[in-house]
Every structure is written in C-alpha cells, then in structure tokens.
C-alpha cells in the first residue's frame, strides 16, 4: 500500500473525508463509522502526514545516495 493510499484510508477511517462523519467506508456500507473527536482525528491525520514526509525524505536520501554513487563511479 502506498503512503498516499494509507493517508486516504486514515482519512476515511477518521471521518475526515466526510463532512458529517456519517459516510461509511468503502466496502462497509452496513457498518456505521466509529465516532471520534476532533482531537483524535487531528492527531491521526498529523501522524499520517508526518509518516508521509518521513517516507519521502527517506526516498529522497536514497535517490541522492544512488546519484552520488553513480557519479562517483563514472568520474573516477
């Protein structure tokens, strides 16, 4: 599952994609969503966003390391 899919899943689960918090998750039409207070929803959203940026930073560092390795091999 990609980070973007995780963010969407977290947003759906916490009711952030529903203004009324009454829309069911996909595939769970018969089950009402769990009611959560705004502080909990904000905390979960911030955690998901932080995870997204952490993953992006890790990927950027890996790309930079790969570029440095490949340019080092070519020039020497």
Protein backbone atom coordinates (compact mmCIF):
# COMPACT_ATOMS: atom_id res chain seq x y z
CA UNK A 1 0.00 0.00 0.00
CA UNK A 2 1.41 3.37 -0.95
CA UNK A 3 1.72 6.20 1.52
CA UNK A 4 -0.96 8.13 -0.36
CA UNK A 5 -3.34 5.17 -0.05
CA UNK A 6 -2.54 4.97 3.67
CA UNK A 7 -3.37 8.67 4.07
CA UNK A 8 -6.65 8.19 2.24
CA UNK A 9 -7.50 5.13 4.31
CA UNK A 10 -6.72 7.00 7.55
CA UNK A 11 -8.76 10.00 6.41
CA UNK A 12 -11.73 7.77 5.55
CA UNK A 13 -11.46 5.83 8.82
CA UNK A 14 -11.35 9.01 10.90
CA UNK A 15 -14.23 10.63 9.01
CA UNK A 16 -12.14 13.44 7.54
CA UNK A 17 -13.42 12.70 4.03
CA UNK A 18 -16.99 13.10 5.26
CA UNK A 19 -18.30 16.45 6.43
CA UNK A 20 -21.00 14.81 8.53
CA UNK A 21 -18.89 11.83 9.61
CA UNK A 22 -21.84 9.67 8.52
CA UNK A 23 -20.47 8.33 5.24
CA UNK A 24 -19.42 4.67 5.51
CA UNK A 25 -16.04 3.41 4.41
CA UNK A 26 -15.89 1.70 1.05
CA UNK A 27 -16.99 -1.91 1.36
CA UNK A 28 -18.55 -1.36 4.78
CA UNK A 29 -21.95 0.09 3.88
CA UNK A 30 -23.74 -1.76 6.71
CA UNK A 31 -21.40 -0.67 9.48
CA UNK A 32 -21.58 2.84 10.94
CA UNK A 33 -18.22 4.64 11.20
CA UNK A 34 -16.59 4.94 14.60
CA UNK A 35 -17.25 8.35 16.09
CA UNK A 36 -14.03 10.10 17.04
CA UNK A 37 -13.50 13.51 18.50
CA UNK A 38 -11.71 16.22 16.56
CA UNK A 39 -8.52 15.98 18.63
CA UNK A 40 -8.20 12.28 17.85
CA UNK A 41 -8.86 12.86 14.15
CA UNK A 42 -6.32 15.69 14.05
CA UNK A 43 -3.74 13.58 15.84
CA UNK A 44 -4.21 10.66 13.44
CA UNK A 45 -4.05 12.98 10.43
CA UNK A 46 -0.87 14.67 11.66
CA UNK A 47 0.68 11.27 12.31
CA UNK A 48 -0.18 10.12 8.77
CA UNK A 49 1.20 13.33 7.24
CA UNK A 50 4.39 13.02 9.31
CA UNK A 51 4.76 9.42 8.14
CA UNK A 52 4.31 10.59 4.55
CA UNK A 53 7.04 13.22 4.84
CA UNK A 54 9.35 10.81 6.65
CA UNK A 55 8.93 8.29 3.84
CA UNK A 56 9.51 10.98 1.20
CA UNK A 57 12.66 12.15 2.97
CA UNK A 58 13.93 8.58 3.11
CA UNK A 59 13.26 8.10 -0.60
CA UNK A 60 14.99 11.39 -1.48
CA UNK A 61 18.02 10.38 0.59
CA UNK A 62 18.13 7.03 -1.22
CA UNK A 63 17.94 8.73 -4.62
CA UNK A 64 20.67 11.20 -3.64
CA UNK A 65 22.88 8.35 -2.44
CA UNK A 66 22.30 6.47 -5.69
CA UNK A 67 23.15 9.57 -7.73
CA UNK A 68 26.30 10.20 -5.69
CA UNK A 69 27.36 6.58 -6.09
CA UNK A 70 26.76 6.55 -9.84
CA UNK A 71 28.53 9.88 -10.46
CA UNK A 72 31.44 8.78 -8.27
CA UNK A 73 31.87 5.62 -10.34
CA UNK A 74 31.68 7.50 -13.66
CA UNK A 75 34.17 10.24 -12.77
CA UNK A 76 36.80 8.04 -11.14
